[in-house]
Amino acid sequence: MATTTKKPAAKKSTTAKKATTTKTVAKKATSSKTTAAVKATAKKPASAKVAETPKLGGEISVNGNKIIQTVQKEFSKKFEYLTLCFIVDADRGKSVNVRGINTLKRISEVRKKVSTKEISIHGRTKIQNLEDYFWKELGIACQVGICGFNGHKHYFPIGDWFNEGSLTAANEWAKGANCKKVGATEIKEICSGNIF
C-alpha cells in the first residue's frame, strides 16, 4: 500500500510579513490624513462671516400667542405690495371710514372664537380663504389691501378677480399696477384709528 506524506505548510517568509505590515501602516497613515483633511475642511475659518438670515420664505404661522402686528409685518415682508388690515367688525365690507383695531394686542386678546383649525399663510392661499379664516374661525375681521393705488393711500380691491386669486398673484398684480411697497410706515398707519 502506498503511503502519502503530507507536505509541511509553507512558511511565510519574513520579508512577505514585513511587506504586509508596511502596507497596513501606510493605509492607516493615509486614512488618518484623509480624516484630518475632512475635519479641517469642516471647521469654519475664524474670518468667515455668519450668513445673513434669509428673507422670510415658506409659510407664516398664526396662533393665539402671536401679536397681530407681528403677523402684519411677516405678511408684508413676504408679500411686499400687500397689507393685512385687521379692522373693526362693523366696518367689515365697507369701502369708506374703515377703522383698524389695536394690533399691539395678541390674537388671543381680540379673537371672539377659539378654533382648533390652524392656518398657515403662503403664496397659494386665496385672499378670500384668508379673510374667511380670520372671520369664521377666530371672529376677527380682516382685509387684504394695497397702498398707493390710483391716488389712494390705502385701498381694498373688491371683486372676484382679486379675492379669488392667490396672494402671490395679488402681489404680482399690485407690483405691476405700480402700487407702493409696504414698509414700517404703512403698517403703522393700518394699526388703529381710521385706515381710510
N, C-alpha and C. Protein backbone atom coordinates (compact mmCIF):
# COMPACT_ATOMS: atom_id res chain seq x y z
N MET A 1 0.85 -1.17 0.00
CA MET A 1 0.00 0.00 0.00
C MET A 1 0.89 1.23 0.00
N ALA A 2 0.54 2.15 -0.87
CA ALA A 2 1.36 3.36 -0.97
C ALA A 2 0.99 4.33 0.13
N THR A 3 1.96 4.90 0.70
CA THR A 3 1.69 5.87 1.75
C THR A 3 1.95 7.27 1.20
N THR A 4 1.09 8.21 1.64
CA THR A 4 1.28 9.59 1.19
C THR A 4 1.80 10.41 2.37
N THR A 5 2.69 11.18 2.09
CA THR A 5 3.22 12.02 3.16
C THR A 5 2.75 13.45 2.94
N LYS A 6 2.35 14.05 4.03
CA LYS A 6 1.86 15.44 3.94
C LYS A 6 3.05 16.37 3.83
N LYS A 7 2.87 17.31 2.95
CA LYS A 7 3.92 18.31 2.82
C LYS A 7 3.74 19.33 3.94
N PRO A 8 4.80 19.70 4.55
CA PRO A 8 4.64 20.72 5.59
C PRO A 8 4.20 22.04 4.96
N ALA A 9 3.35 22.76 5.70
CA ALA A 9 2.84 24.03 5.17
C ALA A 9 3.99 25.00 4.94
N ALA A 10 3.89 25.67 3.86
CA ALA A 10 4.95 26.61 3.52
C ALA A 10 4.91 27.78 4.48
N LYS A 11 6.02 28.11 5.00
CA LYS A 11 6.09 29.23 5.93
C LYS A 11 6.19 30.52 5.13
N LYS A 12 5.44 31.52 5.66
CA LYS A 12 5.54 32.83 5.00
C LYS A 12 6.90 33.39 5.31
N SER A 13 7.44 33.91 4.34
CA SER A 13 8.77 34.47 4.56
C SER A 13 8.67 35.72 5.42
N THR A 14 9.69 35.99 6.14
CA THR A 14 9.73 37.17 7.00
C THR A 14 9.61 38.43 6.16
N THR A 15 10.11 38.40 4.97
CA THR A 15 10.05 39.56 4.08
C THR A 15 8.61 39.85 3.67
N ALA A 16 7.82 38.78 3.37
CA ALA A 16 6.42 38.96 2.96
C ALA A 16 5.61 39.54 4.10
N LYS A 17 5.89 39.06 5.34
CA LYS A 17 5.17 39.57 6.50
C LYS A 17 5.46 41.05 6.69
N LYS A 18 6.72 41.41 6.55
CA LYS A 18 7.10 42.81 6.72
C LYS A 18 6.44 43.70 5.66
N ALA A 19 6.33 43.20 4.44
CA ALA A 19 5.70 43.96 3.36
C ALA A 19 4.23 44.20 3.67
N THR A 20 3.53 43.15 4.17
CA THR A 20 2.11 43.28 4.52
C THR A 20 1.94 44.30 5.64
N THR A 21 2.80 44.21 6.65
CA THR A 21 2.74 45.15 7.78
C THR A 21 2.98 46.57 7.30
N THR A 22 3.90 46.76 6.41
CA THR A 22 4.20 48.09 5.88
C THR A 22 3.00 48.66 5.13
N LYS A 23 2.32 47.79 4.33
CA LYS A 23 1.12 48.24 3.59
C LYS A 23 0.03 48.67 4.56
N THR A 24 -0.19 47.90 5.64
CA THR A 24 -1.22 48.21 6.63
C THR A 24 -0.92 49.55 7.31
N VAL A 25 0.32 49.75 7.68
CA VAL A 25 0.72 51.01 8.31
C VAL A 25 0.50 52.17 7.34
N ALA A 26 0.83 51.97 6.07
CA ALA A 26 0.64 53.01 5.05
C ALA A 26 -0.83 53.36 4.90
N LYS A 27 -1.71 52.31 4.90
CA LYS A 27 -3.16 52.54 4.78
C LYS A 27 -3.65 53.37 5.95
N LYS A 28 -3.24 53.01 7.17
CA LYS A 28 -3.66 53.75 8.36
C LYS A 28 -3.21 55.20 8.29
N ALA A 29 -2.00 55.41 7.83
CA ALA A 29 -1.47 56.78 7.72
C ALA A 29 -2.29 57.59 6.72
N THR A 30 -2.63 56.97 5.57
CA THR A 30 -3.43 57.64 4.55
C THR A 30 -4.82 57.96 5.11
N SER A 31 -5.39 56.98 5.82
CA SER A 31 -6.71 57.15 6.41
C SER A 31 -6.69 58.29 7.42
N SER A 32 -5.65 58.37 8.24
CA SER A 32 -5.54 59.45 9.24
C SER A 32 -5.44 60.80 8.57
N LYS A 33 -4.65 60.85 7.47
CA LYS A 33 -4.50 62.12 6.74
C LYS A 33 -5.84 62.56 6.15
N THR A 34 -6.58 61.60 5.58
CA THR A 34 -7.87 61.91 4.97
C THR A 34 -8.84 62.42 6.04
N THR A 35 -8.89 61.72 7.19
CA THR A 35 -9.78 62.14 8.28
C THR A 35 -9.41 63.53 8.75
N ALA A 36 -8.12 63.80 8.91
CA ALA A 36 -7.67 65.12 9.35
C ALA A 36 -8.05 66.19 8.33
N ALA A 37 -7.93 65.86 7.04
CA ALA A 37 -8.27 66.81 5.98
C ALA A 37 -9.77 67.13 6.01
N VAL A 38 -10.60 66.09 6.21
CA VAL A 38 -12.05 66.29 6.26
C VAL A 38 -12.40 67.16 7.45
N LYS A 39 -11.79 66.89 8.62
CA LYS A 39 -12.07 67.68 9.82
C LYS A 39 -11.64 69.12 9.61
N ALA A 40 -10.50 69.32 8.98
CA ALA A 40 -10.01 70.68 8.74
C ALA A 40 -10.95 71.44 7.82
N THR A 41 -11.49 70.75 6.81
CA THR A 41 -12.42 71.37 5.88
C THR A 41 -13.72 71.74 6.58
N ALA A 42 -14.17 70.86 7.50
CA ALA A 42 -15.43 71.08 8.18
C ALA A 42 -15.37 72.25 9.15
N LYS A 43 -14.18 72.56 9.67
CA LYS A 43 -14.05 73.67 10.60
C LYS A 43 -14.20 74.98 9.86
N LYS A 44 -14.95 75.90 10.49
CA LYS A 44 -15.18 77.20 9.88
C LYS A 44 -14.00 78.10 10.18
N PRO A 45 -13.39 78.72 9.18
CA PRO A 45 -12.28 79.61 9.46
C PRO A 45 -12.74 80.77 10.33
N ALA A 46 -11.85 81.27 11.16
CA ALA A 46 -12.19 82.33 12.11
C ALA A 46 -12.68 83.59 11.40
N SER A 47 -12.19 83.83 10.20
CA SER A 47 -12.55 85.06 9.48
C SER A 47 -13.87 84.94 8.72
N ALA A 48 -14.49 83.74 8.70
CA ALA A 48 -15.72 83.56 7.93
C ALA A 48 -16.87 84.33 8.55
N LYS A 49 -17.68 84.97 7.71
CA LYS A 49 -18.83 85.74 8.20
C LYS A 49 -20.02 84.80 8.37
N VAL A 50 -20.85 85.13 9.36
CA VAL A 50 -22.07 84.35 9.56
C VAL A 50 -23.04 84.77 8.47
N ALA A 51 -23.67 83.79 7.84
CA ALA A 51 -24.60 84.09 6.75
C ALA A 51 -25.78 84.89 7.28
N GLU A 52 -26.26 85.84 6.49
CA GLU A 52 -27.42 86.63 6.89
C GLU A 52 -28.65 85.75 6.92
N THR A 53 -29.60 86.13 7.79
CA THR A 53 -30.85 85.40 7.87
C THR A 53 -31.58 85.60 6.55
N PRO A 54 -32.02 84.50 5.91
CA PRO A 54 -32.69 84.66 4.63
C PRO A 54 -34.03 85.35 4.78
N LYS A 55 -34.49 85.93 3.70
CA LYS A 55 -35.81 86.55 3.69
C LYS A 55 -36.85 85.51 4.05
N LEU A 56 -37.92 85.99 4.67
CA LEU A 56 -38.97 85.07 5.10
C LEU A 56 -39.51 84.29 3.91
N GLY A 57 -39.46 83.02 4.00
CA GLY A 57 -39.99 82.18 2.94
C GLY A 57 -40.96 81.18 3.53
N GLY A 58 -41.49 80.32 2.69
CA GLY A 58 -42.38 79.30 3.22
C GLY A 58 -43.67 79.87 3.72
N GLU A 59 -44.06 79.47 4.93
CA GLU A 59 -45.37 79.83 5.44
C GLU A 59 -45.28 80.75 6.65
N ILE A 60 -46.35 81.50 6.87
CA ILE A 60 -46.47 82.35 8.05
C ILE A 60 -47.46 81.65 8.97
N SER A 61 -47.04 81.37 10.18
CA SER A 61 -47.93 80.67 11.11
C SER A 61 -48.77 81.67 11.89
N VAL A 62 -49.97 81.24 12.25
CA VAL A 62 -50.88 82.08 13.02
C VAL A 62 -51.28 81.29 14.25
N ASN A 63 -51.05 81.87 15.43
CA ASN A 63 -51.51 81.23 16.66
C ASN A 63 -51.89 82.31 17.66
N GLY A 64 -52.59 81.91 18.71
CA GLY A 64 -53.14 82.85 19.68
C GLY A 64 -52.12 83.70 20.39
N ASN A 65 -50.90 83.22 20.55
CA ASN A 65 -49.87 83.97 21.26
C ASN A 65 -49.22 85.06 20.43
N LYS A 66 -49.46 85.02 19.15
CA LYS A 66 -48.78 85.98 18.26
C LYS A 66 -49.42 87.36 18.36
N ILE A 67 -48.57 88.38 18.40
CA ILE A 67 -49.07 89.76 18.37
C ILE A 67 -49.51 90.04 16.94
N ILE A 68 -50.65 90.69 16.80
CA ILE A 68 -51.23 90.91 15.47
C ILE A 68 -50.26 91.67 14.56
N GLN A 69 -49.61 92.68 15.11
CA GLN A 69 -48.68 93.47 14.28
C GLN A 69 -47.52 92.61 13.76
N THR A 70 -47.14 91.60 14.52
CA THR A 70 -46.09 90.68 14.06
C THR A 70 -46.56 89.93 12.81
N VAL A 71 -47.83 89.49 12.84
CA VAL A 71 -48.41 88.81 11.68
C VAL A 71 -48.41 89.76 10.49
N GLN A 72 -48.78 91.02 10.72
CA GLN A 72 -48.81 92.01 9.65
C GLN A 72 -47.42 92.24 9.04
N LYS A 73 -46.42 92.34 9.90
CA LYS A 73 -45.06 92.57 9.41
C LYS A 73 -44.55 91.38 8.61
N GLU A 74 -44.79 90.18 9.12
CA GLU A 74 -44.37 88.97 8.41
C GLU A 74 -45.08 88.88 7.06
N PHE A 75 -46.36 89.22 7.06
CA PHE A 75 -47.17 89.17 5.84
C PHE A 75 -46.60 90.12 4.78
N SER A 76 -46.35 91.37 5.18
CA SER A 76 -45.87 92.37 4.21
C SER A 76 -44.40 92.17 3.85
N LYS A 77 -43.67 91.43 4.66
CA LYS A 77 -42.29 91.11 4.29
C LYS A 77 -42.30 90.04 3.19
N LYS A 78 -43.25 89.13 3.28
CA LYS A 78 -43.36 88.07 2.28
C LYS A 78 -44.05 88.58 1.02
N PHE A 79 -45.12 89.35 1.19
CA PHE A 79 -45.88 89.92 0.06
C PHE A 79 -45.70 91.44 0.12
N GLU A 80 -44.64 91.94 -0.50
CA GLU A 80 -44.19 93.32 -0.34
C GLU A 80 -45.18 94.40 -0.76
N TYR A 81 -46.16 94.04 -1.59
CA TYR A 81 -47.11 95.04 -2.09
C TYR A 81 -48.49 94.89 -1.47
N LEU A 82 -48.63 94.04 -0.46
CA LEU A 82 -49.93 93.79 0.17
C LEU A 82 -49.89 94.11 1.66
N THR A 83 -51.02 94.57 2.17
CA THR A 83 -51.16 94.78 3.61
C THR A 83 -52.24 93.83 4.13
N LEU A 84 -52.10 93.44 5.37
CA LEU A 84 -53.13 92.63 6.03
C LEU A 84 -53.71 93.51 7.12
N CYS A 85 -54.90 94.05 6.86
CA CYS A 85 -55.54 95.01 7.77
C CYS A 85 -56.54 94.30 8.67
N PHE A 86 -56.41 94.50 9.98
CA PHE A 86 -57.36 93.95 10.94
C PHE A 86 -58.26 95.12 11.34
N ILE A 87 -59.57 94.95 11.09
CA ILE A 87 -60.48 96.09 11.20
C ILE A 87 -61.61 95.83 12.20
N VAL A 88 -62.28 96.93 12.56
CA VAL A 88 -63.43 96.85 13.46
C VAL A 88 -64.52 96.03 12.76
N ASP A 89 -65.15 95.15 13.52
CA ASP A 89 -66.17 94.24 12.96
C ASP A 89 -67.22 94.98 12.13
N ALA A 90 -67.72 96.09 12.65
CA ALA A 90 -68.79 96.84 11.98
C ALA A 90 -68.36 97.39 10.62
N ASP A 91 -67.05 97.50 10.41
CA ASP A 91 -66.55 98.08 9.15
C ASP A 91 -66.22 97.02 8.10
N ARG A 92 -66.49 95.78 8.44
CA ARG A 92 -66.20 94.68 7.51
C ARG A 92 -67.03 94.85 6.24
N GLY A 93 -66.35 94.87 5.09
CA GLY A 93 -67.05 95.00 3.80
C GLY A 93 -67.26 96.44 3.38
N LYS A 94 -66.94 97.42 4.23
CA LYS A 94 -67.11 98.83 3.89
C LYS A 94 -65.97 99.31 3.00
N SER A 95 -66.24 100.35 2.23
CA SER A 95 -65.19 100.90 1.36
C SER A 95 -64.75 102.29 1.80
N VAL A 96 -65.45 102.88 2.79
CA VAL A 96 -65.04 104.17 3.36
C VAL A 96 -65.15 104.12 4.88
N ASN A 97 -64.44 105.04 5.55
CA ASN A 97 -64.45 105.11 7.01
C ASN A 97 -64.17 103.76 7.67
N VAL A 98 -63.15 103.10 7.18
CA VAL A 98 -62.75 101.80 7.73
C VAL A 98 -61.75 102.05 8.86
N ARG A 99 -62.05 101.48 10.03
CA ARG A 99 -61.20 101.68 11.20
C ARG A 99 -60.43 100.39 11.54
N GLY A 100 -59.17 100.57 11.89
CA GLY A 100 -58.34 99.44 12.29
C GLY A 100 -58.44 99.19 13.79
N ILE A 101 -58.19 97.95 14.20
CA ILE A 101 -58.19 97.61 15.62
C ILE A 101 -56.77 97.77 16.17
N ASN A 102 -56.63 97.69 17.48
CA ASN A 102 -55.31 97.79 18.11
C ASN A 102 -54.52 96.53 17.82
N THR A 103 -53.52 96.64 16.98
CA THR A 103 -52.77 95.45 16.56
C THR A 103 -51.55 95.19 17.44
N LEU A 104 -51.43 95.91 18.55
CA LEU A 104 -50.36 95.62 19.50
C LEU A 104 -50.80 94.53 20.48
N LYS A 105 -52.03 94.09 20.33
CA LYS A 105 -52.55 93.01 21.18
C LYS A 105 -52.28 91.66 20.53
N ARG A 106 -52.33 90.62 21.34
CA ARG A 106 -52.18 89.26 20.84
C ARG A 106 -53.48 88.81 20.20
N ILE A 107 -53.39 87.86 19.29
CA ILE A 107 -54.59 87.33 18.64
C ILE A 107 -55.56 86.80 19.69
N SER A 108 -55.03 86.15 20.74
CA SER A 108 -55.89 85.59 21.79
C SER A 108 -56.67 86.67 22.55
N GLU A 109 -56.18 87.91 22.54
CA GLU A 109 -56.85 89.00 23.26
C GLU A 109 -58.00 89.61 22.46
N VAL A 110 -57.98 89.49 21.14
CA VAL A 110 -59.02 90.12 20.32
C VAL A 110 -59.97 89.13 19.65
N ARG A 111 -59.59 87.87 19.59
CA ARG A 111 -60.48 86.91 18.93
C ARG A 111 -61.75 86.70 19.74
N LYS A 112 -62.82 86.41 19.03
CA LYS A 112 -64.10 86.16 19.68
C LYS A 112 -64.45 84.68 19.65
N LYS A 113 -63.63 83.90 18.96
CA LYS A 113 -63.83 82.45 18.87
C LYS A 113 -62.49 81.77 19.07
N VAL A 114 -62.55 80.56 19.60
CA VAL A 114 -61.34 79.75 19.72
C VAL A 114 -61.50 78.61 18.74
N SER A 115 -60.55 78.46 17.86
CA SER A 115 -60.65 77.44 16.82
C SER A 115 -59.51 76.44 16.94
N THR A 116 -59.84 75.20 16.62
CA THR A 116 -58.79 74.17 16.59
C THR A 116 -58.18 74.11 15.19
N LYS A 117 -58.85 74.78 14.26
CA LYS A 117 -58.36 74.79 12.88
C LYS A 117 -57.23 75.81 12.77
N GLU A 118 -56.10 75.35 12.26
CA GLU A 118 -54.95 76.25 12.11
C GLU A 118 -54.81 76.68 10.65
N ILE A 119 -54.16 77.80 10.48
CA ILE A 119 -53.89 78.26 9.12
C ILE A 119 -52.43 78.65 9.01
N SER A 120 -51.87 78.35 7.89
CA SER A 120 -50.53 78.82 7.55
C SER A 120 -50.70 79.62 6.28
N ILE A 121 -50.22 80.84 6.30
CA ILE A 121 -50.37 81.72 5.16
C ILE A 121 -49.17 81.52 4.23
N HIS A 122 -49.47 81.19 2.97
CA HIS A 122 -48.42 81.01 1.98
C HIS A 122 -48.89 81.57 0.64
N GLY A 123 -48.04 81.55 -0.34
CA GLY A 123 -48.34 82.16 -1.63
C GLY A 123 -49.56 81.63 -2.35
N ARG A 124 -49.90 80.36 -2.11
CA ARG A 124 -51.05 79.75 -2.80
C ARG A 124 -52.38 80.04 -2.10
N THR A 125 -52.31 80.63 -0.89
CA THR A 125 -53.54 80.93 -0.13
C THR A 125 -54.38 81.94 -0.90
N LYS A 126 -55.66 81.63 -1.07
CA LYS A 126 -56.57 82.58 -1.71
C LYS A 126 -56.91 83.68 -0.72
N ILE A 127 -57.04 84.90 -1.22
CA ILE A 127 -57.36 86.04 -0.36
C ILE A 127 -58.67 85.80 0.38
N GLN A 128 -59.69 85.33 -0.33
CA GLN A 128 -60.99 85.08 0.30
C GLN A 128 -60.89 84.05 1.41
N ASN A 129 -60.10 83.00 1.20
CA ASN A 129 -59.93 81.97 2.22
C ASN A 129 -59.23 82.52 3.47
N LEU A 130 -58.27 83.40 3.26
CA LEU A 130 -57.55 84.01 4.37
C LEU A 130 -58.49 84.88 5.20
N GLU A 131 -59.24 85.74 4.53
CA GLU A 131 -60.18 86.63 5.22
C GLU A 131 -61.27 85.83 5.92
N ASP A 132 -61.76 84.78 5.25
CA ASP A 132 -62.79 83.92 5.85
C ASP A 132 -62.29 83.19 7.08
N TYR A 133 -61.03 82.74 7.04
CA TYR A 133 -60.47 82.03 8.18
C TYR A 133 -60.51 82.91 9.43
N PHE A 134 -59.98 84.13 9.31
CA PHE A 134 -59.95 85.02 10.47
C PHE A 134 -61.35 85.34 10.97
N TRP A 135 -62.30 85.52 10.05
CA TRP A 135 -63.66 85.89 10.45
C TRP A 135 -64.44 84.69 11.01
N LYS A 136 -64.45 83.60 10.27
CA LYS A 136 -65.27 82.45 10.68
C LYS A 136 -64.66 81.63 11.81
N GLU A 137 -63.35 81.52 11.83
CA GLU A 137 -62.70 80.68 12.83
C GLU A 137 -62.29 81.44 14.09
N LEU A 138 -61.92 82.72 13.94
CA LEU A 138 -61.44 83.48 15.09
C LEU A 138 -62.31 84.68 15.46
N GLY A 139 -63.24 85.04 14.57
CA GLY A 139 -64.10 86.19 14.85
C GLY A 139 -63.36 87.51 14.76
N ILE A 140 -62.35 87.57 13.91
CA ILE A 140 -61.58 88.80 13.70
C ILE A 140 -61.77 89.22 12.24
N ALA A 141 -62.19 90.47 12.04
CA ALA A 141 -62.38 90.96 10.67
C ALA A 141 -61.04 91.45 10.12
N CYS A 142 -60.74 91.02 8.91
CA CYS A 142 -59.51 91.49 8.26
C CYS A 142 -59.74 91.57 6.76
N GLN A 143 -58.94 92.39 6.12
CA GLN A 143 -58.98 92.51 4.67
C GLN A 143 -57.57 92.71 4.13
N VAL A 144 -57.34 92.15 2.97
CA VAL A 144 -56.05 92.34 2.30
C VAL A 144 -56.16 93.61 1.47
N GLY A 145 -55.19 94.49 1.63
CA GLY A 145 -55.23 95.76 0.92
C GLY A 145 -53.92 96.05 0.19
N ILE A 146 -53.92 97.19 -0.48
CA ILE A 146 -52.73 97.68 -1.19
C ILE A 146 -52.54 99.15 -0.86
N CYS A 147 -51.38 99.68 -1.14
CA CYS A 147 -51.09 101.08 -0.85
C CYS A 147 -50.70 101.81 -2.14
N GLY A 148 -51.12 103.09 -2.21
CA GLY A 148 -50.71 103.95 -3.32
C GLY A 148 -51.30 103.57 -4.66
N PHE A 149 -52.54 103.09 -4.66
CA PHE A 149 -53.17 102.71 -5.93
C PHE A 149 -54.12 103.81 -6.39
N ASN A 150 -53.91 104.32 -7.60
CA ASN A 150 -54.81 105.31 -8.20
C ASN A 150 -55.10 106.50 -7.29
N GLY A 151 -54.08 106.97 -6.61
CA GLY A 151 -54.26 108.13 -5.73
C GLY A 151 -54.77 107.80 -4.33
N HIS A 152 -55.03 106.54 -4.06
CA HIS A 152 -55.49 106.13 -2.72
C HIS A 152 -54.30 105.73 -1.86
N LYS A 153 -54.26 106.28 -0.65
CA LYS A 153 -53.18 105.91 0.27
C LYS A 153 -53.29 104.43 0.63
N HIS A 154 -54.50 104.02 1.01
CA HIS A 154 -54.81 102.62 1.30
C HIS A 154 -56.05 102.25 0.51
N TYR A 155 -56.07 101.03 0.01
CA TYR A 155 -57.19 100.64 -0.86
C TYR A 155 -57.44 99.14 -0.73
N PHE A 156 -58.73 98.78 -0.68
CA PHE A 156 -59.11 97.37 -0.65
C PHE A 156 -59.75 97.03 -2.00
N PRO A 157 -59.03 96.37 -2.88
CA PRO A 157 -59.64 95.97 -4.16
C PRO A 157 -60.83 95.04 -3.89
N ILE A 158 -61.87 95.22 -4.66
CA ILE A 158 -63.05 94.36 -4.49
C ILE A 158 -63.30 93.58 -5.77
N GLY A 159 -64.04 92.50 -5.64
CA GLY A 159 -64.39 91.69 -6.81
C GLY A 159 -63.64 90.37 -6.80
N ASP A 160 -64.24 89.40 -7.49
CA ASP A 160 -63.68 88.06 -7.53
C ASP A 160 -62.30 88.01 -8.17
N TRP A 161 -62.04 88.89 -9.13
CA TRP A 161 -60.74 88.87 -9.81
C TRP A 161 -59.61 89.00 -8.80
N PHE A 162 -59.86 89.71 -7.69
CA PHE A 162 -58.84 89.89 -6.66
C PHE A 162 -59.00 88.85 -5.55
N ASN A 163 -60.20 88.76 -5.01
CA ASN A 163 -60.45 87.89 -3.84
C ASN A 163 -60.31 86.41 -4.11
N GLU A 164 -60.56 85.99 -5.33
CA GLU A 164 -60.45 84.56 -5.65
C GLU A 164 -59.04 84.17 -6.08
N GLY A 165 -58.18 85.16 -6.19
CA GLY A 165 -56.80 84.88 -6.59
C GLY A 165 -55.92 84.55 -5.39
N SER A 166 -54.75 84.04 -5.69
CA SER A 166 -53.78 83.71 -4.63
C SER A 166 -53.06 84.98 -4.18
N LEU A 167 -52.43 84.89 -3.02
CA LEU A 167 -51.67 86.03 -2.51
C LEU A 167 -50.51 86.37 -3.44
N THR A 168 -49.88 85.36 -4.01
CA THR A 168 -48.78 85.60 -4.95
C THR A 168 -49.28 86.36 -6.17
N ALA A 169 -50.43 85.95 -6.71
CA ALA A 169 -51.00 86.62 -7.89
C ALA A 169 -51.37 88.06 -7.56
N ALA A 170 -51.96 88.28 -6.39
CA ALA A 170 -52.35 89.63 -5.98
C ALA A 170 -51.12 90.52 -5.81
N ASN A 171 -50.08 89.97 -5.23
CA ASN A 171 -48.85 90.72 -5.02
C ASN A 171 -48.23 91.12 -6.37
N GLU A 172 -48.23 90.19 -7.32
CA GLU A 172 -47.69 90.47 -8.66
C GLU A 172 -48.53 91.53 -9.37
N TRP A 173 -49.85 91.44 -9.21
CA TRP A 173 -50.73 92.43 -9.83
C TRP A 173 -50.45 93.81 -9.25
N ALA A 174 -50.35 93.90 -7.91
CA ALA A 174 -50.10 95.19 -7.26
C ALA A 174 -48.76 95.78 -7.69
N LYS A 175 -47.77 94.92 -7.84
CA LYS A 175 -46.45 95.38 -8.30
C LYS A 175 -46.57 95.95 -9.72
N GLY A 176 -47.29 95.24 -10.59
CA GLY A 176 -47.49 95.69 -11.97
C GLY A 176 -48.33 96.95 -12.07
N ALA A 177 -49.18 97.19 -11.05
CA ALA A 177 -50.05 98.38 -11.05
C ALA A 177 -49.35 99.57 -10.38
N ASN A 178 -48.04 99.43 -10.17
CA ASN A 178 -47.22 100.49 -9.56
C ASN A 178 -47.69 100.90 -8.17
N CYS A 179 -48.18 99.92 -7.40
CA CYS A 179 -48.55 100.20 -6.01
C CYS A 179 -47.28 100.37 -5.20
N LYS A 180 -47.43 100.90 -4.02
CA LYS A 180 -46.28 101.19 -3.16
C LYS A 180 -45.89 99.94 -2.37
N LYS A 181 -44.59 99.75 -2.18
CA LYS A 181 -44.13 98.66 -1.32
C LYS A 181 -44.52 99.01 0.11
N VAL A 182 -44.89 97.99 0.86
CA VAL A 182 -45.33 98.20 2.23
C VAL A 182 -44.13 98.16 3.17
N GLY A 183 -43.99 99.21 3.97
CA GLY A 183 -42.91 99.29 4.94
C GLY A 183 -43.46 99.58 6.33
N ALA A 184 -42.59 99.95 7.24
CA ALA A 184 -42.98 100.21 8.63
C ALA A 184 -44.02 101.33 8.75
N THR A 185 -43.90 102.37 7.93
CA THR A 185 -44.84 103.49 7.97
C THR A 185 -46.24 103.04 7.61
N GLU A 186 -46.36 102.26 6.53
CA GLU A 186 -47.67 101.80 6.08
C GLU A 186 -48.31 100.85 7.09
N ILE A 187 -47.49 100.02 7.72
CA ILE A 187 -48.03 99.09 8.73
C ILE A 187 -48.52 99.88 9.94
N LYS A 188 -47.80 100.92 10.32
CA LYS A 188 -48.21 101.74 11.45
C LYS A 188 -49.55 102.42 11.16
N GLU A 189 -49.74 102.84 9.90
CA GLU A 189 -50.98 103.54 9.52
C GLU A 189 -52.22 102.65 9.57
N ILE A 190 -52.02 101.34 9.46
CA ILE A 190 -53.18 100.44 9.47
C ILE A 190 -53.37 99.75 10.83
N CYS A 191 -52.68 100.27 11.84
CA CYS A 191 -52.71 99.62 13.15
C CYS A 191 -53.85 100.06 14.07
N SER A 192 -54.41 101.21 13.88
CA SER A 192 -55.55 101.65 14.69
C SER A 192 -56.08 102.95 14.09
N GLY A 193 -57.26 103.34 14.53
CA GLY A 193 -57.86 104.55 14.01
C GLY A 193 -58.34 104.35 12.58
N ASN A 194 -58.63 105.45 11.91
CA ASN A 194 -59.13 105.38 10.54
C ASN A 194 -58.03 104.95 9.58
N ILE A 195 -58.31 103.90 8.80
CA ILE A 195 -57.37 103.47 7.76
C ILE A 195 -57.61 104.31 6.52
N PHE A 196 -58.87 104.44 6.14
CA PHE A 196 -59.26 105.36 5.05
C PHE A 196 -60.75 105.59 5.11
